[in-house]
């Protein structure tokens, strides 16, 4: 079991979103469900985020709630295998050649473009 100071020292990822309707900024910690705060400026929102994190962790420790460790990019290799139909493979090779890049680069481009569109819908 870790102490509050141990958890506070961990680098939990923050998501900062501008609130275009109400003004200001909303900050949350995806690895700490329900840990969310806001502020009129980004600076105030960040100060409030540290306070919210501390209060969330304090309550979780007092209540015996399991605290997730922060997600870390070190947990991801950047590689995965994918089986696709031969016709799609051919199409990807042809398109990447037209662009003058490797098929790997072309697939990364397509995935990142689609991911950006997906993220806008959230």
PDB file of N, CA and C in Angstrom:
ATOM      1  N   UNK A   1       0.851  -1.190   0.000  1.00  0.00           N
ATOM      2  CA  UNK A   1       0.000   0.000   0.000  1.00  0.00           C
ATOM      3  C   UNK A   1       0.886   1.240   0.000  1.00  0.00           C
ATOM      4  N   UNK A   2       0.598   2.145  -0.884  1.00  0.00           N
ATOM      5  CA  UNK A   2       1.385   3.373  -0.995  1.00  0.00           C
ATOM      6  C   UNK A   2       0.746   4.488  -0.180  1.00  0.00           C
ATOM      7  N   UNK A   3       1.532   5.494   0.095  1.00  0.00           N
ATOM      8  CA  UNK A   3       1.030   6.653   0.832  1.00  0.00           C
ATOM      9  C   UNK A   3       0.515   7.696  -0.157  1.00  0.00           C
ATOM     10  N   UNK A   4      -0.152   8.707   0.370  1.00  0.00           N
ATOM     11  CA  UNK A   4      -0.643   9.803  -0.452  1.00  0.00           C
ATOM     12  C   UNK A   4       0.519  10.461  -1.199  1.00  0.00           C
ATOM     13  N   UNK A   5       1.622  10.675  -0.510  1.00  0.00           N
ATOM     14  CA  UNK A   5       2.785  11.307  -1.153  1.00  0.00           C
ATOM     15  C   UNK A   5       3.314  10.451  -2.309  1.00  0.00           C
ATOM     16  N   UNK A   6       3.290   9.123  -2.118  1.00  0.00           N
ATOM     17  CA  UNK A   6       3.738   8.227  -3.193  1.00  0.00           C
ATOM     18  C   UNK A   6       2.867   8.394  -4.429  1.00  0.00           C
ATOM     19  N   UNK A   7       1.544   8.402  -4.232  1.00  0.00           N
ATOM     20  CA  UNK A   7       0.624   8.555  -5.361  1.00  0.00           C
ATOM     21  C   UNK A   7       0.722   9.952  -5.984  1.00  0.00           C
ATOM     22  N   UNK A   8       0.882  10.970  -5.157  1.00  0.00           N
ATOM     23  CA  UNK A   8       0.988  12.338  -5.679  1.00  0.00           C
ATOM     24  C   UNK A   8       2.239  12.503  -6.545  1.00  0.00           C
ATOM     25  N   UNK A   9       3.277  11.740  -6.260  1.00  0.00           N
ATOM     26  CA  UNK A   9       4.525  11.844  -7.022  1.00  0.00           C
ATOM     27  C   UNK A   9       4.436  11.156  -8.386  1.00  0.00           C
ATOM     28  N   UNK A  10       3.413  10.320  -8.587  1.00  0.00           N
ATOM     29  CA  UNK A  10       3.260   9.623  -9.862  1.00  0.00           C
ATOM     30  C   UNK A  10       2.733  10.571 -10.932  1.00  0.00           C
ATOM     31  N   UNK A  11       3.135  10.355 -12.166  1.00  0.00           N
ATOM     32  CA  UNK A  11       2.723  11.214 -13.283  1.00  0.00           C
ATOM     33  C   UNK A  11       1.443  10.694 -13.919  1.00  0.00           C
ATOM     34  N   UNK A  12       0.318  11.095 -13.364  1.00  0.00           N
ATOM     35  CA  UNK A  12      -0.977  10.743 -13.959  1.00  0.00           C
ATOM     36  C   UNK A  12      -1.237  11.695 -15.123  1.00  0.00           C
ATOM     37  N   UNK A  13      -1.684  11.129 -16.236  1.00  0.00           N
ATOM     38  CA  UNK A  13      -1.971  11.932 -17.426  1.00  0.00           C
ATOM     39  C   UNK A  13      -3.186  12.816 -17.188  1.00  0.00           C
ATOM     40  N   UNK A  14      -3.055  14.085 -17.574  1.00  0.00           N
ATOM     41  CA  UNK A  14      -4.154  15.044 -17.482  1.00  0.00           C
ATOM     42  C   UNK A  14      -4.733  15.285 -18.864  1.00  0.00           C
ATOM     43  N   UNK A  15      -6.037  15.444 -18.917  1.00  0.00           N
ATOM     44  CA  UNK A  15      -6.692  15.894 -20.142  1.00  0.00           C
ATOM     45  C   UNK A  15      -7.252  17.285 -19.861  1.00  0.00           C
ATOM     46  N   UNK A  16      -6.895  18.226 -20.707  1.00  0.00           N
ATOM     47  CA  UNK A  16      -7.339  19.614 -20.539  1.00  0.00           C
ATOM     48  C   UNK A  16      -8.187  19.973 -21.749  1.00  0.00           C
ATOM     49  N   UNK A  17      -9.409  20.398 -21.477  1.00  0.00           N
ATOM     50  CA  UNK A  17     -10.342  20.735 -22.547  1.00  0.00           C
ATOM     51  C   UNK A  17     -10.875  22.142 -22.300  1.00  0.00           C
ATOM     52  N   UNK A  18     -10.831  22.949 -23.348  1.00  0.00           N
ATOM     53  CA  UNK A  18     -11.408  24.290 -23.244  1.00  0.00           C
ATOM     54  C   UNK A  18     -12.925  24.169 -23.278  1.00  0.00           C
ATOM     55  N   UNK A  19     -13.596  24.809 -22.336  1.00  0.00           N
ATOM     56  CA  UNK A  19     -15.063  24.802 -22.287  1.00  0.00           C
ATOM     57  C   UNK A  19     -15.559  26.006 -23.068  1.00  0.00           C
ATOM     58  N   UNK A  20     -15.890  25.787 -24.326  1.00  0.00           N
ATOM     59  CA  UNK A  20     -16.288  26.889 -25.211  1.00  0.00           C
ATOM     60  C   UNK A  20     -17.671  27.437 -24.868  1.00  0.00           C
ATOM     61  N   UNK A  21     -18.503  26.627 -24.215  1.00  0.00           N
ATOM     62  CA  UNK A  21     -19.846  27.073 -23.854  1.00  0.00           C
ATOM     63  C   UNK A  21     -19.836  27.948 -22.597  1.00  0.00           C
ATOM     64  N   UNK A  22     -19.181  27.473 -21.557  1.00  0.00           N
ATOM     65  CA  UNK A  22     -19.187  28.169 -20.269  1.00  0.00           C
ATOM     66  C   UNK A  22     -17.955  29.044 -20.069  1.00  0.00           C
ATOM     67  N   UNK A  23     -16.913  28.796 -20.863  1.00  0.00           N
ATOM     68  CA  UNK A  23     -15.652  29.503 -20.676  1.00  0.00           C
ATOM     69  C   UNK A  23     -14.761  28.748 -19.718  1.00  0.00           C
ATOM     70  N   UNK A  24     -13.492  29.016 -19.771  1.00  0.00           N
ATOM     71  CA  UNK A  24     -12.541  28.359 -18.882  1.00  0.00           C
ATOM     72  C   UNK A  24     -12.080  27.015 -19.426  1.00  0.00           C
ATOM     73  N   UNK A  25     -11.526  26.221 -18.526  1.00  0.00           N
ATOM     74  CA  UNK A  25     -10.934  24.939 -18.899  1.00  0.00           C
ATOM     75  C   UNK A  25     -11.359  23.861 -17.919  1.00  0.00           C
ATOM     76  N   UNK A  26     -11.562  22.658 -18.446  1.00  0.00           N
ATOM     77  CA  UNK A  26     -11.910  21.493 -17.637  1.00  0.00           C
ATOM     78  C   UNK A  26     -10.710  20.554 -17.669  1.00  0.00           C
ATOM     79  N   UNK A  27     -10.314  20.067 -16.494  1.00  0.00           N
ATOM     80  CA  UNK A  27      -9.177  19.158 -16.388  1.00  0.00           C
ATOM     81  C   UNK A  27      -9.639  17.873 -15.722  1.00  0.00           C
ATOM     82  N   UNK A  28      -9.223  16.748 -16.309  1.00  0.00           N
ATOM     83  CA  UNK A  28      -9.537  15.454 -15.701  1.00  0.00           C
ATOM     84  C   UNK A  28      -8.309  14.557 -15.777  1.00  0.00           C
ATOM     85  N   UNK A  29      -8.341  13.509 -14.958  1.00  0.00           N
ATOM     86  CA  UNK A  29      -7.301  12.476 -14.951  1.00  0.00           C
ATOM     87  C   UNK A  29      -7.956  11.170 -15.385  1.00  0.00           C
ATOM     88  N   UNK A  30      -7.727  10.723 -16.614  1.00  0.00           N
ATOM     89  CA  UNK A  30      -8.393   9.509 -17.109  1.00  0.00           C
ATOM     90  C   UNK A  30      -8.163   8.270 -16.252  1.00  0.00           C
ATOM     91  N   UNK A  31      -7.015   8.179 -15.587  1.00  0.00           N
ATOM     92  CA  UNK A  31      -6.727   7.003 -14.757  1.00  0.00           C
ATOM     93  C   UNK A  31      -7.336   7.101 -13.356  1.00  0.00           C
ATOM     94  N   UNK A  32      -7.940   8.238 -13.040  1.00  0.00           N
ATOM     95  CA  UNK A  32      -8.589   8.439 -11.738  1.00  0.00           C
ATOM     96  C   UNK A  32     -10.057   8.790 -12.005  1.00  0.00           C
ATOM     97  N   UNK A  33     -10.902   7.794 -12.176  1.00  0.00           N
ATOM     98  CA  UNK A  33     -12.295   8.031 -12.584  1.00  0.00           C
ATOM     99  C   UNK A  33     -13.032   9.018 -11.680  1.00  0.00           C
ATOM    100  N   UNK A  34     -13.590  10.033 -12.303  1.00  0.00           N
ATOM    101  CA  UNK A  34     -14.357  11.034 -11.569  1.00  0.00           C
ATOM    102  C   UNK A  34     -13.518  12.171 -11.026  1.00  0.00           C
ATOM    103  N   UNK A  35     -12.219  12.124 -11.217  1.00  0.00           N
ATOM    104  CA  UNK A  35     -11.346  13.203 -10.746  1.00  0.00           C
ATOM    105  C   UNK A  35     -11.322  14.274 -11.825  1.00  0.00           C
ATOM    106  N   UNK A  36     -12.084  15.328 -11.577  1.00  0.00           N
ATOM    107  CA  UNK A  36     -12.277  16.371 -12.587  1.00  0.00           C
ATOM    108  C   UNK A  36     -12.418  17.716 -11.885  1.00  0.00           C
ATOM    109  N   UNK A  37     -11.938  18.755 -12.528  1.00  0.00           N
ATOM    110  CA  UNK A  37     -12.045  20.099 -11.982  1.00  0.00           C
ATOM    111  C   UNK A  37     -12.034  21.092 -13.138  1.00  0.00           C
ATOM    112  N   UNK A  38     -12.084  22.372 -12.800  1.00  0.00           N
ATOM    113  CA  UNK A  38     -12.068  23.391 -13.851  1.00  0.00           C
ATOM    114  C   UNK A  38     -11.446  24.670 -13.308  1.00  0.00           C
ATOM    115  N   UNK A  39     -11.282  25.632 -14.198  1.00  0.00           N
ATOM    116  CA  UNK A  39     -10.753  26.932 -13.819  1.00  0.00           C
ATOM    117  C   UNK A  39     -11.000  27.925 -14.929  1.00  0.00           C
ATOM    118  N   UNK A  40     -11.064  29.198 -14.564  1.00  0.00           N
ATOM    119  CA  UNK A  40     -11.326  30.250 -15.553  1.00  0.00           C
ATOM    120  C   UNK A  40     -10.176  30.408 -16.538  1.00  0.00           C
ATOM    121  N   UNK A  41      -8.945  30.183 -16.066  1.00  0.00           N
ATOM    122  CA  UNK A  41      -7.774  30.223 -16.936  1.00  0.00           C
ATOM    123  C   UNK A  41      -7.096  28.865 -16.860  1.00  0.00           C
ATOM    124  N   UNK A  42      -6.213  28.611 -17.791  1.00  0.00           N
ATOM    125  CA  UNK A  42      -5.510  27.327 -17.772  1.00  0.00           C
ATOM    126  C   UNK A  42      -4.629  27.217 -16.528  1.00  0.00           C
ATOM    127  N   UNK A  43      -4.056  28.337 -16.095  1.00  0.00           N
ATOM    128  CA  UNK A  43      -3.209  28.327 -14.909  1.00  0.00           C
ATOM    129  C   UNK A  43      -4.017  27.951 -13.664  1.00  0.00           C
ATOM    130  N   UNK A  44      -5.196  28.549 -13.514  1.00  0.00           N
ATOM    131  CA  UNK A  44      -6.058  28.237 -12.371  1.00  0.00           C
ATOM    132  C   UNK A  44      -6.538  26.795 -12.457  1.00  0.00           C
ATOM    133  N   UNK A  45      -6.887  26.345 -13.659  1.00  0.00           N
ATOM    134  CA  UNK A  45      -7.348  24.965 -13.841  1.00  0.00           C
ATOM    135  C   UNK A  45      -6.263  23.969 -13.443  1.00  0.00           C
ATOM    136  N   UNK A  46      -5.009  24.268 -13.758  1.00  0.00           N
ATOM    137  CA  UNK A  46      -3.908  23.365 -13.404  1.00  0.00           C
ATOM    138  C   UNK A  46      -3.669  23.329 -11.896  1.00  0.00           C
ATOM    139  N   UNK A  47      -3.763  24.477 -11.242  1.00  0.00           N
ATOM    140  CA  UNK A  47      -3.637  24.510  -9.778  1.00  0.00           C
ATOM    141  C   UNK A  47      -4.782  23.707  -9.157  1.00  0.00           C
ATOM    142  N   UNK A  48      -6.000  23.908  -9.665  1.00  0.00           N
ATOM    143  CA  UNK A  48      -7.157  23.168  -9.163  1.00  0.00           C
ATOM    144  C   UNK A  48      -7.016  21.673  -9.417  1.00  0.00           C
ATOM    145  N   UNK A  49      -6.360  21.316 -10.524  1.00  0.00           N
ATOM    146  CA  UNK A  49      -6.184  19.902 -10.858  1.00  0.00           C
ATOM    147  C   UNK A  49      -5.310  19.195  -9.827  1.00  0.00           C
ATOM    148  N   UNK A  50      -4.267  19.866  -9.368  1.00  0.00           N
ATOM    149  CA  UNK A  50      -3.404  19.270  -8.339  1.00  0.00           C
ATOM    150  C   UNK A  50      -4.199  19.067  -7.059  1.00  0.00           C
ATOM    151  N   UNK A  51      -5.014  20.052  -6.689  1.00  0.00           N
ATOM    152  CA  UNK A  51      -5.864  19.925  -5.499  1.00  0.00           C
ATOM    153  C   UNK A  51      -6.878  18.796  -5.667  1.00  0.00           C
ATOM    154  N   UNK A  52      -7.491  18.708  -6.837  1.00  0.00           N
ATOM    155  CA  UNK A  52      -8.487  17.665  -7.094  1.00  0.00           C
ATOM    156  C   UNK A  52      -7.848  16.282  -7.025  1.00  0.00           C
ATOM    157  N   UNK A  53      -6.663  16.145  -7.582  1.00  0.00           N
ATOM    158  CA  UNK A  53      -5.936  14.874  -7.540  1.00  0.00           C
ATOM    159  C   UNK A  53      -5.656  14.478  -6.089  1.00  0.00           C
ATOM    160  N   UNK A  54      -5.194  15.443  -5.288  1.00  0.00           N
ATOM    161  CA  UNK A  54      -4.883  15.168  -3.881  1.00  0.00           C
ATOM    162  C   UNK A  54      -6.137  14.740  -3.120  1.00  0.00           C
ATOM    163  N   UNK A  55      -7.232  15.453  -3.324  1.00  0.00           N
ATOM    164  CA  UNK A  55      -8.477  15.112  -2.629  1.00  0.00           C
ATOM    165  C   UNK A  55      -9.023  13.764  -3.083  1.00  0.00           C
ATOM    166  N   UNK A  56      -8.940  13.473  -4.387  1.00  0.00           N
ATOM    167  CA  UNK A  56      -9.417  12.203  -4.923  1.00  0.00           C
ATOM    168  C   UNK A  56      -8.611  11.056  -4.329  1.00  0.00           C
ATOM    169  N   UNK A  57      -7.291  11.202  -4.320  1.00  0.00           N
ATOM    170  CA  UNK A  57      -6.432  10.146  -3.774  1.00  0.00           C
ATOM    171  C   UNK A  57      -6.635   9.975  -2.274  1.00  0.00           C
ATOM    172  N   UNK A  58      -6.794  11.071  -1.556  1.00  0.00           N
ATOM    173  CA  UNK A  58      -7.044  10.996  -0.111  1.00  0.00           C
ATOM    174  C   UNK A  58      -8.318  10.219   0.172  1.00  0.00           C
ATOM    175  N   UNK A  59      -9.383  10.553  -0.545  1.00  0.00           N
ATOM    176  CA  UNK A  59     -10.665   9.861  -0.352  1.00  0.00           C
ATOM    177  C   UNK A  59     -10.539   8.374  -0.712  1.00  0.00           C
ATOM    178  N   UNK A  60      -9.845   8.079  -1.801  1.00  0.00           N
ATOM    179  CA  UNK A  60      -9.685   6.680  -2.218  1.00  0.00           C
ATOM    180  C   UNK A  60      -8.910   5.891  -1.170  1.00  0.00           C
ATOM    181  N   UNK A  61      -7.863   6.472  -0.616  1.00  0.00           N
ATOM    182  CA  UNK A  61      -7.082   5.800   0.418  1.00  0.00           C
ATOM    183  C   UNK A  61      -7.918   5.586   1.682  1.00  0.00           C
ATOM    184  N   UNK A  62      -8.690   6.602   2.067  1.00  0.00           N
ATOM    185  CA  UNK A  62      -9.528   6.483   3.267  1.00  0.00           C
ATOM    186  C   UNK A  62     -10.613   5.427   3.106  1.00  0.00           C
ATOM    187  N   UNK A  63     -11.172   5.332   1.898  1.00  0.00           N
ATOM    188  CA  UNK A  63     -12.262   4.389   1.641  1.00  0.00           C
ATOM    189  C   UNK A  63     -11.778   3.007   1.207  1.00  0.00           C
ATOM    190  N   UNK A  64     -10.480   2.857   1.045  1.00  0.00           N
ATOM    191  CA  UNK A  64      -9.935   1.572   0.617  1.00  0.00           C
ATOM    192  C   UNK A  64     -10.232   1.247  -0.844  1.00  0.00           C
ATOM    193  N   UNK A  65     -10.436   2.296  -1.642  1.00  0.00           N
ATOM    194  CA  UNK A  65     -10.710   2.121  -3.075  1.00  0.00           C
ATOM    195  C   UNK A  65      -9.388   1.859  -3.792  1.00  0.00           C
ATOM    196  N   UNK A  66      -9.401   0.905  -4.697  1.00  0.00           N
ATOM    197  CA  UNK A  66      -8.215   0.578  -5.474  1.00  0.00           C
ATOM    198  C   UNK A  66      -7.833   1.761  -6.363  1.00  0.00           C
ATOM    199  N   UNK A  67      -6.564   2.111  -6.336  1.00  0.00           N
ATOM    200  CA  UNK A  67      -6.066   3.232  -7.129  1.00  0.00           C
ATOM    201  C   UNK A  67      -5.230   2.669  -8.274  1.00  0.00           C
ATOM    202  N   UNK A  68      -5.647   2.986  -9.480  1.00  0.00           N
ATOM    203  CA  UNK A  68      -4.953   2.516 -10.671  1.00  0.00           C
ATOM    204  C   UNK A  68      -3.629   3.251 -10.823  1.00  0.00           C
ATOM    205  N   UNK A  69      -2.619   2.526 -11.244  1.00  0.00           N
ATOM    206  CA  UNK A  69      -1.343   3.158 -11.551  1.00  0.00           C
ATOM    207  C   UNK A  69      -1.491   3.938 -12.857  1.00  0.00           C
ATOM    208  N   UNK A  70      -0.701   4.992 -13.038  1.00  0.00           N
ATOM    209  CA  UNK A  70      -0.827   5.780 -14.268  1.00  0.00           C
ATOM    210  C   UNK A  70      -0.460   4.968 -15.504  1.00  0.00           C
ATOM    211  N   UNK A  71      -1.203   5.219 -16.575  1.00  0.00           N
ATOM    212  CA  UNK A  71      -0.876   4.612 -17.859  1.00  0.00           C
ATOM    213  C   UNK A  71       0.445   5.224 -18.313  1.00  0.00           C
ATOM    214  N   UNK A  72       1.241   4.429 -18.992  1.00  0.00           N
ATOM    215  CA  UNK A  72       2.573   4.866 -19.368  1.00  0.00           C
ATOM    216  C   UNK A  72       2.856   4.435 -20.795  1.00  0.00           C
ATOM    217  N   UNK A  73       3.399   5.325 -21.615  1.00  0.00           N
ATOM    218  CA  UNK A  73       3.729   4.975 -22.992  1.00  0.00           C
ATOM    219  C   UNK A  73       4.746   3.845 -23.063  1.00  0.00           C
ATOM    220  N   UNK A  74       5.502   3.626 -22.001  1.00  0.00           N
ATOM    221  CA  UNK A  74       6.463   2.523 -21.966  1.00  0.00           C
ATOM    222  C   UNK A  74       5.753   1.174 -22.084  1.00  0.00           C
ATOM    223  N   UNK A  75       4.442   1.150 -21.790  1.00  0.00           N
ATOM    224  CA  UNK A  75       3.679  -0.092 -21.864  1.00  0.00           C
ATOM    225  C   UNK A  75       3.302  -0.466 -23.294  1.00  0.00           C
ATOM    226  N   UNK A  76       3.637   0.385 -24.249  1.00  0.00           N
ATOM    227  CA  UNK A  76       3.240   0.167 -25.639  1.00  0.00           C
ATOM    228  C   UNK A  76       4.482   0.114 -26.522  1.00  0.00           C
ATOM    229  N   UNK A  77       4.565  -0.920 -27.352  1.00  0.00           N
ATOM    230  CA  UNK A  77       5.754  -1.107 -28.191  1.00  0.00           C
ATOM    231  C   UNK A  77       5.711  -0.260 -29.459  1.00  0.00           C
ATOM    232  N   UNK A  78       4.527   0.135 -29.887  1.00  0.00           N
ATOM    233  CA  UNK A  78       4.402   0.843 -31.146  1.00  0.00           C
ATOM    234  C   UNK A  78       4.283  -0.107 -32.332  1.00  0.00           C
ATOM    235  N   UNK A  79       4.124  -1.379 -32.041  1.00  0.00           N
ATOM    236  CA  UNK A  79       4.000  -2.378 -33.103  1.00  0.00           C
ATOM    237  C   UNK A  79       2.808  -3.278 -32.828  1.00  0.00           C
ATOM    238  N   UNK A  80       2.133  -3.683 -33.903  1.00  0.00           N
ATOM    239  CA  UNK A  80       1.118  -4.720 -33.809  1.00  0.00           C
ATOM    240  C   UNK A  80       0.983  -5.365 -35.174  1.00  0.00           C
ATOM    241  N   UNK A  81       0.545  -6.609 -35.176  1.00  0.00           N
ATOM    242  CA  UNK A  81       0.377  -7.325 -36.436  1.00  0.00           C
ATOM    243  C   UNK A  81      -1.086  -7.271 -36.824  1.00  0.00           C
ATOM    244  N   UNK A  82      -1.305  -7.189 -38.127  1.00  0.00           N
ATOM    245  CA  UNK A  82      -2.661  -7.053 -38.636  1.00  0.00           C
ATOM    246  C   UNK A  82      -2.805  -7.890 -39.899  1.00  0.00           C
ATOM    247  N   UNK A  83      -3.787  -8.737 -39.927  1.00  0.00           N
ATOM    248  CA  UNK A  83      -4.075  -9.521 -41.128  1.00  0.00           C
ATOM    249  C   UNK A  83      -5.167  -8.792 -41.902  1.00  0.00           C
ATOM    250  N   UNK A  84      -4.912  -8.584 -43.194  1.00  0.00           N
ATOM    251  CA  UNK A  84      -5.874  -7.877 -44.040  1.00  0.00           C
ATOM    252  C   UNK A  84      -6.070  -8.659 -45.330  1.00  0.00           C
ATOM    253  N   UNK A  85      -7.164  -8.419 -46.008  1.00  0.00           N
ATOM    254  CA  UNK A  85      -7.379  -9.088 -47.302  1.00  0.00           C
ATOM    255  C   UNK A  85      -6.286  -8.685 -48.291  1.00  0.00           C
ATOM    256  N   UNK A  86      -5.945  -9.597 -49.174  1.00  0.00           N
ATOM    257  CA  UNK A  86      -4.905  -9.342 -50.171  1.00  0.00           C
ATOM    258  C   UNK A  86      -5.241  -8.136 -51.047  1.00  0.00           C
ATOM    259  N   UNK A  87      -6.511  -7.978 -51.374  1.00  0.00           N
ATOM    260  CA  UNK A  87      -6.895  -6.842 -52.224  1.00  0.00           C
ATOM    261  C   UNK A  87      -6.640  -5.511 -51.509  1.00  0.00           C
ATOM    262  N   UNK A  88      -6.871  -5.464 -50.210  1.00  0.00           N
ATOM    263  CA  UNK A  88      -6.586  -4.245 -49.448  1.00  0.00           C
ATOM    264  C   UNK A  88      -5.077  -4.017 -49.377  1.00  0.00           C
ATOM    265  N   UNK A  89      -4.333  -5.072 -49.181  1.00  0.00           N
ATOM    266  CA  UNK A  89      -2.872  -4.975 -49.147  1.00  0.00           C
ATOM    267  C   UNK A  89      -2.359  -4.368 -50.455  1.00  0.00           C
ATOM    268  N   UNK A  90      -2.860  -4.890 -51.579  1.00  0.00           N
ATOM    269  CA  UNK A  90      -2.460  -4.369 -52.888  1.00  0.00           C
ATOM    270  C   UNK A  90      -2.800  -2.884 -53.011  1.00  0.00           C
ATOM    271  N   UNK A  91      -4.006  -2.525 -52.589  1.00  0.00           N
ATOM    272  CA  UNK A  91      -4.439  -1.136 -52.669  1.00  0.00           C
ATOM    273  C   UNK A  91      -3.552  -0.229 -51.824  1.00  0.00           C
ATOM    274  N   UNK A  92      -3.203  -0.665 -50.633  1.00  0.00           N
ATOM    275  CA  UNK A  92      -2.337   0.134 -49.766  1.00  0.00           C
ATOM    276  C   UNK A  92      -0.944   0.297 -50.374  1.00  0.00           C
ATOM    277  N   UNK A  93      -0.421  -0.771 -50.966  1.00  0.00           N
ATOM    278  CA  UNK A  93       0.883  -0.691 -51.627  1.00  0.00           C
ATOM    279  C   UNK A  93       0.825   0.305 -52.779  1.00  0.00           C
ATOM    280  N   UNK A  94      -0.219   0.221 -53.589  1.00  0.00           N
ATOM    281  CA  UNK A  94      -0.353   1.120 -54.745  1.00  0.00           C
ATOM    282  C   UNK A  94      -0.458   2.577 -54.311  1.00  0.00           C
ATOM    283  N   UNK A  95      -1.283   2.844 -53.303  1.00  0.00           N
ATOM    284  CA  UNK A  95      -1.446   4.223 -52.837  1.00  0.00           C
ATOM    285  C   UNK A  95      -0.154   4.766 -52.215  1.00  0.00           C
ATOM    286  N   UNK A  96       0.540   3.936 -51.465  1.00  0.00           N
ATOM    287  CA  UNK A  96       1.778   4.401 -50.839  1.00  0.00           C
ATOM    288  C   UNK A  96       2.834   4.700 -51.903  1.00  0.00           C
ATOM    289  N   UNK A  97       2.878   3.887 -52.965  1.00  0.00           N
ATOM    290  CA  UNK A  97       3.825   4.154 -54.064  1.00  0.00           C
ATOM    291  C   UNK A  97       3.519   5.491 -54.722  1.00  0.00           C
ATOM    292  N   UNK A  98       2.224   5.766 -54.946  1.00  0.00           N
ATOM    293  CA  UNK A  98       1.834   7.048 -55.555  1.00  0.00           C
ATOM    294  C   UNK A  98       2.263   8.228 -54.691  1.00  0.00           C
ATOM    295  N   UNK A  99       2.226   8.039 -53.380  1.00  0.00           N
ATOM    296  CA  UNK A  99       2.626   9.107 -52.448  1.00  0.00           C
ATOM    297  C   UNK A  99       4.138   9.170 -52.270  1.00  0.00           C
ATOM    298  N   UNK A 100       4.844   8.122 -52.732  1.00  0.00           N
ATOM    299  CA  UNK A 100       6.295   8.094 -52.604  1.00  0.00           C
ATOM    300  C   UNK A 100       6.781   7.798 -51.200  1.00  0.00           C
ATOM    301  N   UNK A 101       5.969   7.064 -50.447  1.00  0.00           N
ATOM    302  CA  UNK A 101       6.346   6.706 -49.077  1.00  0.00           C
ATOM    303  C   UNK A 101       6.167   5.201 -48.892  1.00  0.00           C
ATOM    304  N   UNK A 102       6.682   4.687 -47.788  1.00  0.00           N
ATOM    305  CA  UNK A 102       6.527   3.262 -47.513  1.00  0.00           C
ATOM    306  C   UNK A 102       5.072   2.960 -47.153  1.00  0.00           C
ATOM    307  N   UNK A 103       4.708   1.712 -47.318  1.00  0.00           N
ATOM    308  CA  UNK A 103       3.352   1.331 -46.944  1.00  0.00           C
ATOM    309  C   UNK A 103       3.144   1.532 -45.438  1.00  0.00           C
ATOM    310  N   UNK A 104       4.177   1.284 -44.643  1.00  0.00           N
ATOM    311  CA  UNK A 104       4.087   1.487 -43.207  1.00  0.00           C
ATOM    312  C   UNK A 104       3.765   2.952 -42.896  1.00  0.00           C
ATOM    313  N   UNK A 105       4.484   3.878 -43.518  1.00  0.00           N
ATOM    314  CA  UNK A 105       4.230   5.308 -43.304  1.00  0.00           C
ATOM    315  C   UNK A 105       2.822   5.682 -43.750  1.00  0.00           C
ATOM    316  N   UNK A 106       2.402   5.111 -44.881  1.00  0.00           N
ATOM    317  CA  UNK A 106       1.069   5.408 -45.399  1.00  0.00           C
ATOM    318  C   UNK A 106      -0.014   4.917 -44.426  1.00  0.00           C
ATOM    319  N   UNK A 107       0.175   3.722 -43.881  1.00  0.00           N
ATOM    320  CA  UNK A 107      -0.804   3.181 -42.926  1.00  0.00           C
ATOM    321  C   UNK A 107      -0.841   4.010 -41.645  1.00  0.00           C
ATOM    322  N   UNK A 108       0.316   4.463 -41.174  1.00  0.00           N
ATOM    323  CA  UNK A 108       0.358   5.326 -39.993  1.00  0.00           C
ATOM    324  C   UNK A 108      -0.401   6.616 -40.274  1.00  0.00           C
ATOM    325  N   UNK A 109      -0.194   7.181 -41.456  1.00  0.00           N
ATOM    326  CA  UNK A 109      -0.916   8.386 -41.849  1.00  0.00           C
ATOM    327  C   UNK A 109      -2.429   8.145 -41.820  1.00  0.00           C
ATOM    328  N   UNK A 110      -2.881   7.043 -42.436  1.00  0.00           N
ATOM    329  CA  UNK A 110      -4.312   6.750 -42.476  1.00  0.00           C
ATOM    330  C   UNK A 110      -4.885   6.533 -41.080  1.00  0.00           C
ATOM    331  N   UNK A 111      -4.172   5.798 -40.243  1.00  0.00           N
ATOM    332  CA  UNK A 111      -4.648   5.545 -38.885  1.00  0.00           C
ATOM    333  C   UNK A 111      -4.712   6.834 -38.063  1.00  0.00           C
ATOM    334  N   UNK A 112      -3.685   7.666 -38.178  1.00  0.00           N
ATOM    335  CA  UNK A 112      -3.681   8.905 -37.390  1.00  0.00           C
ATOM    336  C   UNK A 112      -4.752   9.871 -37.868  1.00  0.00           C
ATOM    337  N   UNK A 113      -4.982   9.920 -39.174  1.00  0.00           N
ATOM    338  CA  UNK A 113      -6.039  10.789 -39.705  1.00  0.00           C
ATOM    339  C   UNK A 113      -7.402  10.329 -39.200  1.00  0.00           C
ATOM    340  N   UNK A 114      -7.644   9.027 -39.229  1.00  0.00           N
ATOM    341  CA  UNK A 114      -8.911   8.494 -38.758  1.00  0.00           C
ATOM    342  C   UNK A 114      -9.053   8.677 -37.250  1.00  0.00           C
ATOM    343  N   UNK A 115      -7.959   8.496 -36.500  1.00  0.00           N
ATOM    344  CA  UNK A 115      -8.009   8.658 -35.057  1.00  0.00           C
ATOM    345  C   UNK A 115      -8.342  10.098 -34.696  1.00  0.00           C
ATOM    346  N   UNK A 116      -7.806  11.058 -35.437  1.00  0.00           N
ATOM    347  CA  UNK A 116      -8.101  12.477 -35.185  1.00  0.00           C
ATOM    348  C   UNK A 116      -9.588  12.760 -35.404  1.00  0.00           C
ATOM    349  N   UNK A 117     -10.169  12.167 -36.441  1.00  0.00           N
ATOM    350  CA  UNK A 117     -11.602  12.336 -36.698  1.00  0.00           C
ATOM    351  C   UNK A 117     -12.408  11.711 -35.570  1.00  0.00           C
ATOM    352  N   UNK A 118     -11.994  10.534 -35.131  1.00  0.00           N
ATOM    353  CA  UNK A 118     -12.681   9.838 -34.029  1.00  0.00           C
ATOM    354  C   UNK A 118     -12.614  10.654 -32.754  1.00  0.00           C
ATOM    355  N   UNK A 119     -11.463  11.246 -32.457  1.00  0.00           N
ATOM    356  CA  UNK A 119     -11.290  12.018 -31.222  1.00  0.00           C
ATOM    357  C   UNK A 119     -12.168  13.259 -31.227  1.00  0.00           C
ATOM    358  N   UNK A 120     -12.417  13.862 -32.384  1.00  0.00           N
ATOM    359  CA  UNK A 120     -13.266  15.049 -32.458  1.00  0.00           C
ATOM    360  C   UNK A 120     -14.707  14.727 -32.106  1.00  0.00           C
ATOM    361  N   UNK A 121     -15.133  13.466 -32.317  1.00  0.00           N
ATOM    362  CA  UNK A 121     -16.518  13.071 -32.031  1.00  0.00           C
ATOM    363  C   UNK A 121     -16.766  12.905 -30.548  1.00  0.00           C
ATOM    364  N   UNK A 122     -15.697  12.713 -29.744  1.00  0.00           N
ATOM    365  CA  UNK A 122     -15.861  12.504 -28.291  1.00  0.00           C
ATOM    366  C   UNK A 122     -16.260  13.735 -27.602  1.00  0.00           C
TER     367      UNK A 122
END
